[in-house]
Structures are given as structure tokens and as C-alpha cells.
Amino acid sequence: MVVNGSFIIMAPAGSYTINATATGYQAKSLSGVSVTSGKVVDASMTLTVATASNKPGDCDNSGTVTITEVQSAINMFLGLKPVESCVNVDGVSGVSIAEVQKVINSFLGL
């Protein structure tokens, strides 16, 4: 990796999908990158800074709540994990069962 986030990868000829992720940024994919033997391919992409999600439990600001984030919310409620503001939406100390339910609803798309 180069300082600006660039990568140089040696890959056999073929068609590829490149996925880029970084903490604090929205994930991005670039499909149909065609690699030809003996050629250099520039597959540039720019990641966008993630914006805060309005979904309770979306702690990684991906725009969706995953089952892992639901489990984290349950662990916060049980005191097994430090409380995060993405779950503790009412700002009161600790995570309530109502806040866990909001995270589950976000996961279910309700």
C-alpha cells in the first residue's frame, strides 16, 4: 500500500470486482475491472466519508443494521460490552430493553 491508499496488485488476466472499505468511510465496489496480461490497469475509486445514520444500532454508519450490531446491542444491555451512543439513543445511562428493541426493529427494517 502507498501512503495515499494506493495498492499495486499482481493478478492473472481476467475480470475482477474490487471492494474497498475503511473505518469512517462508506464501502465501495468497482465491478468489471478487466486485467490483461502485461498491461497496467488503473482502477481508481474515492471513498466518501460516512455520515451518521439515523438508524438505532447502526454503529458502523453503513446505513444498515447487521445481526452483529444487534448482538452488540444485546451485550450492551447485559453489561457485557461498553455502551455506545449509536444504541443508547436516549442518552440515559445504560442501554434499555426498549433501545435494544429499536435496534432489532432497524435490523428488520421496521
PDB file of N, CA and C in Angstrom:
ATOM      1  N   MET A   1       0.842  -1.178   0.000  1.00  0.00           N
ATOM      2  CA  MET A   1       0.000   0.000   0.000  1.00  0.00           C
ATOM      3  C   MET A   1       0.884   1.236   0.000  1.00  0.00           C
ATOM      4  N   VAL A   2       0.520   2.214  -0.787  1.00  0.00           N
ATOM      5  CA  VAL A   2       1.190   3.503  -0.834  1.00  0.00           C
ATOM      6  C   VAL A   2       0.485   4.430   0.156  1.00  0.00           C
ATOM      7  N   VAL A   3       1.140   5.476   0.613  1.00  0.00           N
ATOM      8  CA  VAL A   3       0.620   6.365   1.655  1.00  0.00           C
ATOM      9  C   VAL A   3      -0.792   6.864   1.380  1.00  0.00           C
ATOM     10  N   ASN A   4      -1.144   7.163   0.150  1.00  0.00           N
ATOM     11  CA  ASN A   4      -2.475   7.700  -0.156  1.00  0.00           C
ATOM     12  C   ASN A   4      -3.556   6.623  -0.254  1.00  0.00           C
ATOM     13  N   GLY A   5      -3.235   5.394   0.058  1.00  0.00           N
ATOM     14  CA  GLY A   5      -4.198   4.309  -0.011  1.00  0.00           C
ATOM     15  C   GLY A   5      -4.110   3.497  -1.284  1.00  0.00           C
ATOM     16  N   SER A   6      -3.156   3.806  -2.139  1.00  0.00           N
ATOM     17  CA  SER A   6      -2.996   3.073  -3.394  1.00  0.00           C
ATOM     18  C   SER A   6      -2.428   1.679  -3.154  1.00  0.00           C
ATOM     19  N   PHE A   7      -2.817   0.766  -4.015  1.00  0.00           N
ATOM     20  CA  PHE A   7      -2.298  -0.591  -3.949  1.00  0.00           C
ATOM     21  C   PHE A   7      -1.788  -0.984  -5.324  1.00  0.00           C
ATOM     22  N   ILE A   8      -0.765  -1.793  -5.344  1.00  0.00           N
ATOM     23  CA  ILE A   8      -0.295  -2.397  -6.584  1.00  0.00           C
ATOM     24  C   ILE A   8      -0.438  -3.900  -6.386  1.00  0.00           C
ATOM     25  N   ILE A   9      -1.218  -4.519  -7.243  1.00  0.00           N
ATOM     26  CA  ILE A   9      -1.514  -5.938  -7.106  1.00  0.00           C
ATOM     27  C   ILE A   9      -1.172  -6.644  -8.418  1.00  0.00           C
ATOM     28  N   MET A  10      -0.469  -7.739  -8.323  1.00  0.00           N
ATOM     29  CA  MET A  10      -0.184  -8.563  -9.494  1.00  0.00           C
ATOM     30  C   MET A  10      -1.287  -9.626  -9.549  1.00  0.00           C
ATOM     31  N   ALA A  11      -2.030  -9.661 -10.664  1.00  0.00           N
ATOM     32  CA  ALA A  11      -3.145 -10.598 -10.774  1.00  0.00           C
ATOM     33  C   ALA A  11      -3.158 -11.211 -12.166  1.00  0.00           C
ATOM     34  N   PRO A  12      -3.569 -12.469 -12.256  1.00  0.00           N
ATOM     35  CA  PRO A  12      -3.700 -13.104 -13.568  1.00  0.00           C
ATOM     36  C   PRO A  12      -4.771 -12.388 -14.401  1.00  0.00           C
ATOM     37  N   ALA A  13      -4.683 -12.515 -15.704  1.00  0.00           N
ATOM     38  CA  ALA A  13      -5.675 -11.911 -16.598  1.00  0.00           C
ATOM     39  C   ALA A  13      -7.073 -12.396 -16.220  1.00  0.00           C
ATOM     40  N   GLY A  14      -8.027 -11.490 -16.344  1.00  0.00           N
ATOM     41  CA  GLY A  14      -9.406 -11.829 -16.027  1.00  0.00           C
ATOM     42  C   GLY A  14     -10.195 -10.598 -15.648  1.00  0.00           C
ATOM     43  N   SER A  15     -11.443 -10.802 -15.269  1.00  0.00           N
ATOM     44  CA  SER A  15     -12.323  -9.718 -14.850  1.00  0.00           C
ATOM     45  C   SER A  15     -12.493  -9.797 -13.331  1.00  0.00           C
ATOM     46  N   TYR A  16     -12.365  -8.659 -12.664  1.00  0.00           N
ATOM     47  CA  TYR A  16     -12.387  -8.617 -11.214  1.00  0.00           C
ATOM     48  C   TYR A  16     -13.370  -7.582 -10.688  1.00  0.00           C
ATOM     49  N   THR A  17     -13.814  -7.811  -9.444  1.00  0.00           N
ATOM     50  CA  THR A  17     -14.549  -6.811  -8.678  1.00  0.00           C
ATOM     51  C   THR A  17     -13.645  -6.418  -7.521  1.00  0.00           C
ATOM     52  N   ILE A  18     -13.429  -5.121  -7.382  1.00  0.00           N
ATOM     53  CA  ILE A  18     -12.573  -4.615  -6.309  1.00  0.00           C
ATOM     54  C   ILE A  18     -13.460  -3.984  -5.252  1.00  0.00           C
ATOM     55  N   ASN A  19     -13.289  -4.395  -4.004  1.00  0.00           N
ATOM     56  CA  ASN A  19     -14.045  -3.855  -2.880  1.00  0.00           C
ATOM     57  C   ASN A  19     -13.096  -3.076  -1.986  1.00  0.00           C
ATOM     58  N   ALA A  20     -13.507  -1.874  -1.597  1.00  0.00           N
ATOM     59  CA  ALA A  20     -12.692  -1.048  -0.709  1.00  0.00           C
ATOM     60  C   ALA A  20     -13.502  -0.676   0.522  1.00  0.00           C
ATOM     61  N   THR A  21     -12.905  -0.864   1.694  1.00  0.00           N
ATOM     62  CA  THR A  21     -13.536  -0.473   2.951  1.00  0.00           C
ATOM     63  C   THR A  21     -12.498   0.192   3.834  1.00  0.00           C
ATOM     64  N   ALA A  22     -12.947   1.128   4.631  1.00  0.00           N
ATOM     65  CA  ALA A  22     -12.092   1.789   5.608  1.00  0.00           C
ATOM     66  C   ALA A  22     -12.978   2.353   6.711  1.00  0.00           C
ATOM     67  N   THR A  23     -12.537   2.267   7.936  1.00  0.00           N
ATOM     68  CA  THR A  23     -13.300   2.783   9.065  1.00  0.00           C
ATOM     69  C   THR A  23     -13.586   4.268   8.858  1.00  0.00           C
ATOM     70  N   GLY A  24     -14.856   4.641   9.030  1.00  0.00           N
ATOM     71  CA  GLY A  24     -15.261   6.035   8.877  1.00  0.00           C
ATOM     72  C   GLY A  24     -15.643   6.428   7.466  1.00  0.00           C
ATOM     73  N   TYR A  25     -15.586   5.458   6.531  1.00  0.00           N
ATOM     74  CA  TYR A  25     -15.918   5.727   5.129  1.00  0.00           C
ATOM     75  C   TYR A  25     -16.965   4.733   4.645  1.00  0.00           C
ATOM     76  N   GLN A  26     -17.741   5.139   3.644  1.00  0.00           N
ATOM     77  CA  GLN A  26     -18.704   4.229   3.032  1.00  0.00           C
ATOM     78  C   GLN A  26     -17.955   3.241   2.147  1.00  0.00           C
ATOM     79  N   ALA A  27     -18.326   1.973   2.243  1.00  0.00           N
ATOM     80  CA  ALA A  27     -17.707   0.933   1.413  1.00  0.00           C
ATOM     81  C   ALA A  27     -18.043   1.195  -0.055  1.00  0.00           C
ATOM     82  N   LYS A  28     -17.153   0.754  -0.935  1.00  0.00           N
ATOM     83  CA  LYS A  28     -17.365   0.963  -2.369  1.00  0.00           C
ATOM     84  C   LYS A  28     -16.878  -0.255  -3.130  1.00  0.00           C
ATOM     85  N   SER A  29     -17.543  -0.568  -4.247  1.00  0.00           N
ATOM     86  CA  SER A  29     -17.155  -1.672  -5.119  1.00  0.00           C
ATOM     87  C   SER A  29     -16.993  -1.151  -6.537  1.00  0.00           C
ATOM     88  N   LEU A  30     -16.063  -1.750  -7.243  1.00  0.00           N
ATOM     89  CA  LEU A  30     -15.832  -1.421  -8.651  1.00  0.00           C
ATOM     90  C   LEU A  30     -15.837  -2.745  -9.403  1.00  0.00           C
ATOM     91  N   SER A  31     -16.885  -2.982 -10.192  1.00  0.00           N
ATOM     92  CA  SER A  31     -17.050  -4.247 -10.910  1.00  0.00           C
ATOM     93  C   SER A  31     -16.506  -4.148 -12.325  1.00  0.00           C
ATOM     94  N   GLY A  32     -16.191  -5.310 -12.885  1.00  0.00           N
ATOM     95  CA  GLY A  32     -15.786  -5.389 -14.279  1.00  0.00           C
ATOM     96  C   GLY A  32     -14.420  -4.813 -14.576  1.00  0.00           C
ATOM     97  N   VAL A  33     -13.519  -4.869 -13.607  1.00  0.00           N
ATOM     98  CA  VAL A  33     -12.156  -4.399 -13.844  1.00  0.00           C
ATOM     99  C   VAL A  33     -11.445  -5.489 -14.642  1.00  0.00           C
ATOM    100  N   SER A  34     -11.096  -5.171 -15.875  1.00  0.00           N
ATOM    101  CA  SER A  34     -10.509  -6.140 -16.782  1.00  0.00           C
ATOM    102  C   SER A  34      -8.985  -6.054 -16.750  1.00  0.00           C
ATOM    103  N   VAL A  35      -8.355  -7.160 -16.390  1.00  0.00           N
ATOM    104  CA  VAL A  35      -6.901  -7.234 -16.326  1.00  0.00           C
ATOM    105  C   VAL A  35      -6.409  -8.013 -17.544  1.00  0.00           C
ATOM    106  N   THR A  36      -5.470  -7.400 -18.277  1.00  0.00           N
ATOM    107  CA  THR A  36      -4.887  -8.017 -19.460  1.00  0.00           C
ATOM    108  C   THR A  36      -3.410  -8.279 -19.184  1.00  0.00           C
ATOM    109  N   SER A  37      -2.924  -9.412 -19.638  1.00  0.00           N
ATOM    110  CA  SER A  37      -1.527  -9.785 -19.420  1.00  0.00           C
ATOM    111  C   SER A  37      -0.585  -8.707 -19.944  1.00  0.00           C
ATOM    112  N   GLY A  38       0.383  -8.291 -19.110  1.00  0.00           N
ATOM    113  CA  GLY A  38       1.396  -7.319 -19.498  1.00  0.00           C
ATOM    114  C   GLY A  38       0.948  -5.878 -19.488  1.00  0.00           C
ATOM    115  N   LYS A  39      -0.259  -5.589 -19.032  1.00  0.00           N
ATOM    116  CA  LYS A  39      -0.785  -4.217 -19.022  1.00  0.00           C
ATOM    117  C   LYS A  39      -0.998  -3.750 -17.581  1.00  0.00           C
ATOM    118  N   VAL A  40      -0.877  -2.443 -17.379  1.00  0.00           N
ATOM    119  CA  VAL A  40      -1.178  -1.828 -16.088  1.00  0.00           C
ATOM    120  C   VAL A  40      -2.594  -1.278 -16.168  1.00  0.00           C
ATOM    121  N   VAL A  41      -3.409  -1.574 -15.155  1.00  0.00           N
ATOM    122  CA  VAL A  41      -4.794  -1.113 -15.123  1.00  0.00           C
ATOM    123  C   VAL A  41      -4.956  -0.158 -13.949  1.00  0.00           C
ATOM    124  N   ASP A  42      -5.518   1.009 -14.201  1.00  0.00           N
ATOM    125  CA  ASP A  42      -5.834   1.964 -13.136  1.00  0.00           C
ATOM    126  C   ASP A  42      -7.295   1.780 -12.767  1.00  0.00           C
ATOM    127  N   ALA A  43      -7.530   1.329 -11.575  1.00  0.00           N
ATOM    128  CA  ALA A  43      -8.898   1.116 -11.100  1.00  0.00           C
ATOM    129  C   ALA A  43      -9.142   2.055  -9.918  1.00  0.00           C
ATOM    130  N   SER A  44      -9.054   3.343 -10.171  1.00  0.00           N
ATOM    131  CA  SER A  44      -9.182   4.348  -9.117  1.00  0.00           C
ATOM    132  C   SER A  44     -10.612   4.443  -8.595  1.00  0.00           C
ATOM    133  N   MET A  45     -10.726   4.692  -7.317  1.00  0.00           N
ATOM    134  CA  MET A  45     -12.018   4.988  -6.697  1.00  0.00           C
ATOM    135  C   MET A  45     -11.756   5.855  -5.480  1.00  0.00           C
ATOM    136  N   THR A  46     -12.712   6.682  -5.154  1.00  0.00           N
ATOM    137  CA  THR A  46     -12.604   7.558  -3.998  1.00  0.00           C
ATOM    138  C   THR A  46     -13.674   7.171  -3.002  1.00  0.00           C
ATOM    139  N   LEU A  47     -13.285   6.958  -1.756  1.00  0.00           N
ATOM    140  CA  LEU A  47     -14.247   6.641  -0.704  1.00  0.00           C
ATOM    141  C   LEU A  47     -14.831   7.927  -0.142  1.00  0.00           C
ATOM    142  N   THR A  48     -16.105   7.870   0.208  1.00  0.00           N
ATOM    143  CA  THR A  48     -16.817   9.012   0.769  1.00  0.00           C
ATOM    144  C   THR A  48     -16.908   8.845   2.279  1.00  0.00           C
ATOM    145  N   VAL A  49     -16.693   9.938   2.994  1.00  0.00           N
ATOM    146  CA  VAL A  49     -16.793   9.901   4.454  1.00  0.00           C
ATOM    147  C   VAL A  49     -18.207   9.484   4.828  1.00  0.00           C
ATOM    148  N   ALA A  50     -18.306   8.543   5.753  1.00  0.00           N
ATOM    149  CA  ALA A  50     -19.610   8.057   6.194  1.00  0.00           C
ATOM    150  C   ALA A  50     -20.321   9.133   7.006  1.00  0.00           C
ATOM    151  N   THR A  51     -21.606   9.228   6.793  1.00  0.00           N
ATOM    152  CA  THR A  51     -22.412  10.153   7.586  1.00  0.00           C
ATOM    153  C   THR A  51     -23.148   9.355   8.639  1.00  0.00           C
ATOM    154  N   ALA A  52     -23.458  10.010   9.709  1.00  0.00           N
ATOM    155  CA  ALA A  52     -24.148   9.339  10.800  1.00  0.00           C
ATOM    156  C   ALA A  52     -25.504   8.831  10.329  1.00  0.00           C
ATOM    157  N   SER A  53     -25.822   7.622  10.669  1.00  0.00           N
ATOM    158  CA  SER A  53     -27.098   7.019  10.310  1.00  0.00           C
ATOM    159  C   SER A  53     -28.134   7.392  11.357  1.00  0.00           C
ATOM    160  N   ASN A  54     -29.375   7.485  10.946  1.00  0.00           N
ATOM    161  CA  ASN A  54     -30.455   7.740  11.893  1.00  0.00           C
ATOM    162  C   ASN A  54     -31.025   6.440  12.441  1.00  0.00           C
ATOM    163  N   LYS A  55     -30.454   5.313  12.046  1.00  0.00           N
ATOM    164  CA  LYS A  55     -30.975   4.027  12.477  1.00  0.00           C
ATOM    165  C   LYS A  55     -30.338   3.625  13.804  1.00  0.00           C
ATOM    166  N   PRO A  56     -31.144   3.411  14.833  1.00  0.00           N
ATOM    167  CA  PRO A  56     -30.578   2.946  16.104  1.00  0.00           C
ATOM    168  C   PRO A  56     -29.831   1.630  15.896  1.00  0.00           C
ATOM    169  N   GLY A  57     -28.612   1.573  16.385  1.00  0.00           N
ATOM    170  CA  GLY A  57     -27.812   0.357  16.293  1.00  0.00           C
ATOM    171  C   GLY A  57     -26.845   0.332  15.136  1.00  0.00           C
ATOM    172  N   ASP A  58     -26.946   1.283  14.211  1.00  0.00           N
ATOM    173  CA  ASP A  58     -26.026   1.316  13.057  1.00  0.00           C
ATOM    174  C   ASP A  58     -24.713   1.955  13.500  1.00  0.00           C
ATOM    175  N   CYS A  59     -23.952   1.211  14.278  1.00  0.00           N
ATOM    176  CA  CYS A  59     -22.735   1.745  14.892  1.00  0.00           C
ATOM    177  C   CYS A  59     -21.586   1.939  13.915  1.00  0.00           C
ATOM    178  N   ASP A  60     -21.610   1.261  12.774  1.00  0.00           N
ATOM    179  CA  ASP A  60     -20.542   1.446  11.791  1.00  0.00           C
ATOM    180  C   ASP A  60     -20.945   2.434  10.688  1.00  0.00           C
ATOM    181  N   ASN A  61     -22.129   3.062  10.851  1.00  0.00           N
ATOM    182  CA  ASN A  61     -22.637   4.062   9.900  1.00  0.00           C
ATOM    183  C   ASN A  61     -22.691   3.556   8.455  1.00  0.00           C
ATOM    184  N   SER A  62     -23.025   2.277   8.296  1.00  0.00           N
ATOM    185  CA  SER A  62     -23.117   1.695   6.956  1.00  0.00           C
ATOM    186  C   SER A  62     -24.467   1.949   6.301  1.00  0.00           C
ATOM    187  N   GLY A  63     -25.427   2.426   7.083  1.00  0.00           N
ATOM    188  CA  GLY A  63     -26.775   2.633   6.560  1.00  0.00           C
ATOM    189  C   GLY A  63     -27.702   1.465   6.824  1.00  0.00           C
ATOM    190  N   THR A  64     -27.136   0.357   7.320  1.00  0.00           N
ATOM    191  CA  THR A  64     -27.945  -0.808   7.683  1.00  0.00           C
ATOM    192  C   THR A  64     -27.504  -1.323   9.049  1.00  0.00           C
ATOM    193  N   VAL A  65     -28.394  -2.028   9.697  1.00  0.00           N
ATOM    194  CA  VAL A  65     -28.074  -2.656  10.974  1.00  0.00           C
ATOM    195  C   VAL A  65     -27.903  -4.143  10.719  1.00  0.00           C
ATOM    196  N   THR A  66     -26.756  -4.677  11.115  1.00  0.00           N
ATOM    197  CA  THR A  66     -26.454  -6.090  10.892  1.00  0.00           C
ATOM    198  C   THR A  66     -26.796  -6.912  12.127  1.00  0.00           C
ATOM    199  N   ILE A  67     -26.820  -8.221  11.973  1.00  0.00           N
ATOM    200  CA  ILE A  67     -27.075  -9.105  13.109  1.00  0.00           C
ATOM    201  C   ILE A  67     -25.966  -8.968  14.152  1.00  0.00           C
ATOM    202  N   THR A  68     -24.765  -8.666  13.719  1.00  0.00           N
ATOM    203  CA  THR A  68     -23.652  -8.438  14.650  1.00  0.00           C
ATOM    204  C   THR A  68     -23.926  -7.214  15.512  1.00  0.00           C
ATOM    205  N   GLU A  69     -24.492  -6.162  14.901  1.00  0.00           N
ATOM    206  CA  GLU A  69     -24.825  -4.958  15.665  1.00  0.00           C
ATOM    207  C   GLU A  69     -25.979  -5.215  16.628  1.00  0.00           C
ATOM    208  N   VAL A  70     -26.921  -6.085  16.246  1.00  0.00           N
ATOM    209  CA  VAL A  70     -27.996  -6.473  17.160  1.00  0.00           C
ATOM    210  C   VAL A  70     -27.402  -7.189  18.367  1.00  0.00           C
ATOM    211  N   GLN A  71     -26.484  -8.124  18.126  1.00  0.00           N
ATOM    212  CA  GLN A  71     -25.840  -8.851  19.229  1.00  0.00           C
ATOM    213  C   GLN A  71     -25.069  -7.890  20.131  1.00  0.00           C
ATOM    214  N   SER A  72     -24.407  -6.908  19.536  1.00  0.00           N
ATOM    215  CA  SER A  72     -23.675  -5.909  20.329  1.00  0.00           C
ATOM    216  C   SER A  72     -24.632  -5.126  21.218  1.00  0.00           C
ATOM    217  N   ALA A  73     -25.796  -4.754  20.682  1.00  0.00           N
ATOM    218  CA  ALA A  73     -26.785  -4.020  21.474  1.00  0.00           C
ATOM    219  C   ALA A  73     -27.267  -4.860  22.653  1.00  0.00           C
ATOM    220  N   ILE A  74     -27.487  -6.142  22.414  1.00  0.00           N
ATOM    221  CA  ILE A  74     -27.904  -7.043  23.500  1.00  0.00           C
ATOM    222  C   ILE A  74     -26.800  -7.138  24.553  1.00  0.00           C
ATOM    223  N   ASN A  75     -25.559  -7.247  24.109  1.00  0.00           N
ATOM    224  CA  ASN A  75     -24.435  -7.310  25.046  1.00  0.00           C
ATOM    225  C   ASN A  75     -24.282  -6.012  25.834  1.00  0.00           C
ATOM    226  N   MET A  76     -24.596  -4.875  25.222  1.00  0.00           N
ATOM    227  CA  MET A  76     -24.575  -3.595  25.947  1.00  0.00           C
ATOM    228  C   MET A  76     -25.656  -3.591  27.021  1.00  0.00           C
ATOM    229  N   PHE A  77     -26.847  -4.074  26.670  1.00  0.00           N
ATOM    230  CA  PHE A  77     -27.948  -4.166  27.631  1.00  0.00           C
ATOM    231  C   PHE A  77     -27.570  -5.059  28.812  1.00  0.00           C
ATOM    232  N   LEU A  78     -26.883  -6.173  28.522  1.00  0.00           N
ATOM    233  CA  LEU A  78     -26.486  -7.122  29.567  1.00  0.00           C
ATOM    234  C   LEU A  78     -25.254  -6.662  30.353  1.00  0.00           C
ATOM    235  N   GLY A  79     -24.627  -5.568  29.915  1.00  0.00           N
ATOM    236  CA  GLY A  79     -23.440  -5.066  30.595  1.00  0.00           C
ATOM    237  C   GLY A  79     -22.170  -5.804  30.220  1.00  0.00           C
ATOM    238  N   LEU A  80     -22.207  -6.552  29.126  1.00  0.00           N
ATOM    239  CA  LEU A  80     -21.045  -7.321  28.681  1.00  0.00           C
ATOM    240  C   LEU A  80     -20.156  -6.531  27.727  1.00  0.00           C
ATOM    241  N   LYS A  81     -20.642  -5.378  27.288  1.00  0.00           N
ATOM    242  CA  LYS A  81     -19.910  -4.545  26.323  1.00  0.00           C
ATOM    243  C   LYS A  81     -20.149  -3.090  26.691  1.00  0.00           C
ATOM    244  N   PRO A  82     -19.140  -2.232  26.511  1.00  0.00           N
ATOM    245  CA  PRO A  82     -19.345  -0.810  26.803  1.00  0.00           C
ATOM    246  C   PRO A  82     -20.475  -0.218  25.956  1.00  0.00           C
ATOM    247  N   VAL A  83     -21.234   0.691  26.556  1.00  0.00           N
ATOM    248  CA  VAL A  83     -22.368   1.316  25.885  1.00  0.00           C
ATOM    249  C   VAL A  83     -21.873   2.295  24.821  1.00  0.00           C
ATOM    250  N   GLU A  84     -22.494   2.240  23.646  1.00  0.00           N
ATOM    251  CA  GLU A  84     -22.179   3.168  22.559  1.00  0.00           C
ATOM    252  C   GLU A  84     -23.405   4.031  22.282  1.00  0.00           C
ATOM    253  N   SER A  85     -23.170   5.271  21.877  1.00  0.00           N
ATOM    254  CA  SER A  85     -24.263   6.216  21.641  1.00  0.00           C
ATOM    255  C   SER A  85     -25.168   5.797  20.485  1.00  0.00           C
ATOM    256  N   CYS A  86     -24.665   4.975  19.587  1.00  0.00           N
ATOM    257  CA  CYS A  86     -25.489   4.518  18.462  1.00  0.00           C
ATOM    258  C   CYS A  86     -26.619   3.597  18.926  1.00  0.00           C
ATOM    259  N   VAL A  87     -26.493   3.041  20.127  1.00  0.00           N
ATOM    260  CA  VAL A  87     -27.547   2.207  20.708  1.00  0.00           C
ATOM    261  C   VAL A  87     -28.272   2.977  21.814  1.00  0.00           C
ATOM    262  N   ASN A  88     -27.518   3.689  22.629  1.00  0.00           N
ATOM    263  CA  ASN A  88     -28.082   4.462  23.738  1.00  0.00           C
ATOM    264  C   ASN A  88     -28.612   5.790  23.207  1.00  0.00           C
ATOM    265  N   VAL A  89     -29.698   5.721  22.429  1.00  0.00           N
ATOM    266  CA  VAL A  89     -30.207   6.900  21.732  1.00  0.00           C
ATOM    267  C   VAL A  89     -30.880   7.906  22.653  1.00  0.00           C
ATOM    268  N   ASP A  90     -31.340   7.481  23.822  1.00  0.00           N
ATOM    269  CA  ASP A  90     -31.995   8.434  24.725  1.00  0.00           C
ATOM    270  C   ASP A  90     -31.006   9.177  25.621  1.00  0.00           C
ATOM    271  N   GLY A  91     -29.737   8.771  25.597  1.00  0.00           N
ATOM    272  CA  GLY A  91     -28.708   9.467  26.359  1.00  0.00           C
ATOM    273  C   GLY A  91     -28.700   9.155  27.841  1.00  0.00           C
ATOM    274  N   VAL A  92     -29.657   8.361  28.304  1.00  0.00           N
ATOM    275  CA  VAL A  92     -29.696   7.963  29.713  1.00  0.00           C
ATOM    276  C   VAL A  92     -28.670   6.864  29.918  1.00  0.00           C
ATOM    277  N   SER A  93     -28.055   6.830  31.062  1.00  0.00           N
ATOM    278  CA  SER A  93     -27.002   5.848  31.334  1.00  0.00           C
ATOM    279  C   SER A  93     -27.503   4.427  31.113  1.00  0.00           C
ATOM    280  N   GLY A  94     -26.698   3.638  30.439  1.00  0.00           N
ATOM    281  CA  GLY A  94     -27.054   2.255  30.151  1.00  0.00           C
ATOM    282  C   GLY A  94     -27.941   2.129  28.930  1.00  0.00           C
ATOM    283  N   VAL A  95     -28.146   0.881  28.501  1.00  0.00           N
ATOM    284  CA  VAL A  95     -28.999   0.579  27.354  1.00  0.00           C
ATOM    285  C   VAL A  95     -30.246  -0.127  27.875  1.00  0.00           C
ATOM    286  N   SER A  96     -31.410   0.412  27.521  1.00  0.00           N
ATOM    287  CA  SER A  96     -32.667  -0.175  27.979  1.00  0.00           C
ATOM    288  C   SER A  96     -33.141  -1.256  27.011  1.00  0.00           C
ATOM    289  N   ILE A  97     -34.071  -2.065  27.459  1.00  0.00           N
ATOM    290  CA  ILE A  97     -34.643  -3.093  26.592  1.00  0.00           C
ATOM    291  C   ILE A  97     -35.391  -2.431  25.426  1.00  0.00           C
ATOM    292  N   ALA A  98     -35.967  -1.249  25.665  1.00  0.00           N
ATOM    293  CA  ALA A  98     -36.653  -0.520  24.589  1.00  0.00           C
ATOM    294  C   ALA A  98     -35.655  -0.113  23.501  1.00  0.00           C
ATOM    295  N   GLU A  99     -34.439   0.282  23.895  1.00  0.00           N
ATOM    296  CA  GLU A  99     -33.417   0.639  22.910  1.00  0.00           C
ATOM    297  C   GLU A  99     -32.952  -0.587  22.130  1.00  0.00           C
ATOM    298  N   VAL A 100     -32.840  -1.728  22.800  1.00  0.00           N
ATOM    299  CA  VAL A 100     -32.492  -2.976  22.107  1.00  0.00           C
ATOM    300  C   VAL A 100     -33.583  -3.309  21.089  1.00  0.00           C
ATOM    301  N   GLN A 101     -34.843  -3.120  21.483  1.00  0.00           N
ATOM    302  CA  GLN A 101     -35.951  -3.383  20.560  1.00  0.00           C
ATOM    303  C   GLN A 101     -35.874  -2.474  19.340  1.00  0.00           C
ATOM    304  N   LYS A 102     -35.477  -1.196  19.520  1.00  0.00           N
ATOM    305  CA  LYS A 102     -35.329  -0.283  18.390  1.00  0.00           C
ATOM    306  C   LYS A 102     -34.229  -0.770  17.427  1.00  0.00           C
ATOM    307  N   VAL A 103     -33.151  -1.305  17.988  1.00  0.00           N
ATOM    308  CA  VAL A 103     -32.066  -1.843  17.163  1.00  0.00           C
ATOM    309  C   VAL A 103     -32.572  -3.056  16.370  1.00  0.00           C
ATOM    310  N   ILE A 104     -33.321  -3.931  17.039  1.00  0.00           N
ATOM    311  CA  ILE A 104     -33.885  -5.110  16.363  1.00  0.00           C
ATOM    312  C   ILE A 104     -34.833  -4.661  15.247  1.00  0.00           C
ATOM    313  N   ASN A 105     -35.665  -3.652  15.520  1.00  0.00           N
ATOM    314  CA  ASN A 105     -36.582  -3.139  14.504  1.00  0.00           C
ATOM    315  C   ASN A 105     -35.809  -2.564  13.308  1.00  0.00           C
ATOM    316  N   SER A 106     -34.705  -1.868  13.589  1.00  0.00           N
ATOM    317  CA  SER A 106     -33.875  -1.341  12.497  1.00  0.00           C
ATOM    318  C   SER A 106     -33.326  -2.478  11.646  1.00  0.00           C
ATOM    319  N   PHE A 107     -32.876  -3.551  12.302  1.00  0.00           N
ATOM    320  CA  PHE A 107     -32.365  -4.724  11.608  1.00  0.00           C
ATOM    321  C   PHE A 107     -33.446  -5.338  10.714  1.00  0.00           C
ATOM    322  N   LEU A 108     -34.689  -5.377  11.230  1.00  0.00           N
ATOM    323  CA  LEU A 108     -35.801  -5.975  10.490  1.00  0.00           C
ATOM    324  C   LEU A 108     -36.412  -5.027   9.457  1.00  0.00           C
ATOM    325  N   GLY A 109     -35.943  -3.770   9.453  1.00  0.00           N
ATOM    326  CA  GLY A 109     -36.467  -2.794   8.505  1.00  0.00           C
ATOM    327  C   GLY A 109     -37.800  -2.220   8.903  1.00  0.00           C
ATOM    328  N   LEU A 110     -38.089  -2.259  10.201  1.00  0.00           N
ATOM    329  CA  LEU A 110     -39.387  -1.732  10.696  1.00  0.00           C
ATOM    330  C   LEU A 110     -39.251  -0.328  11.211  1.00  0.00           C
TER     331      LEU A 110
END
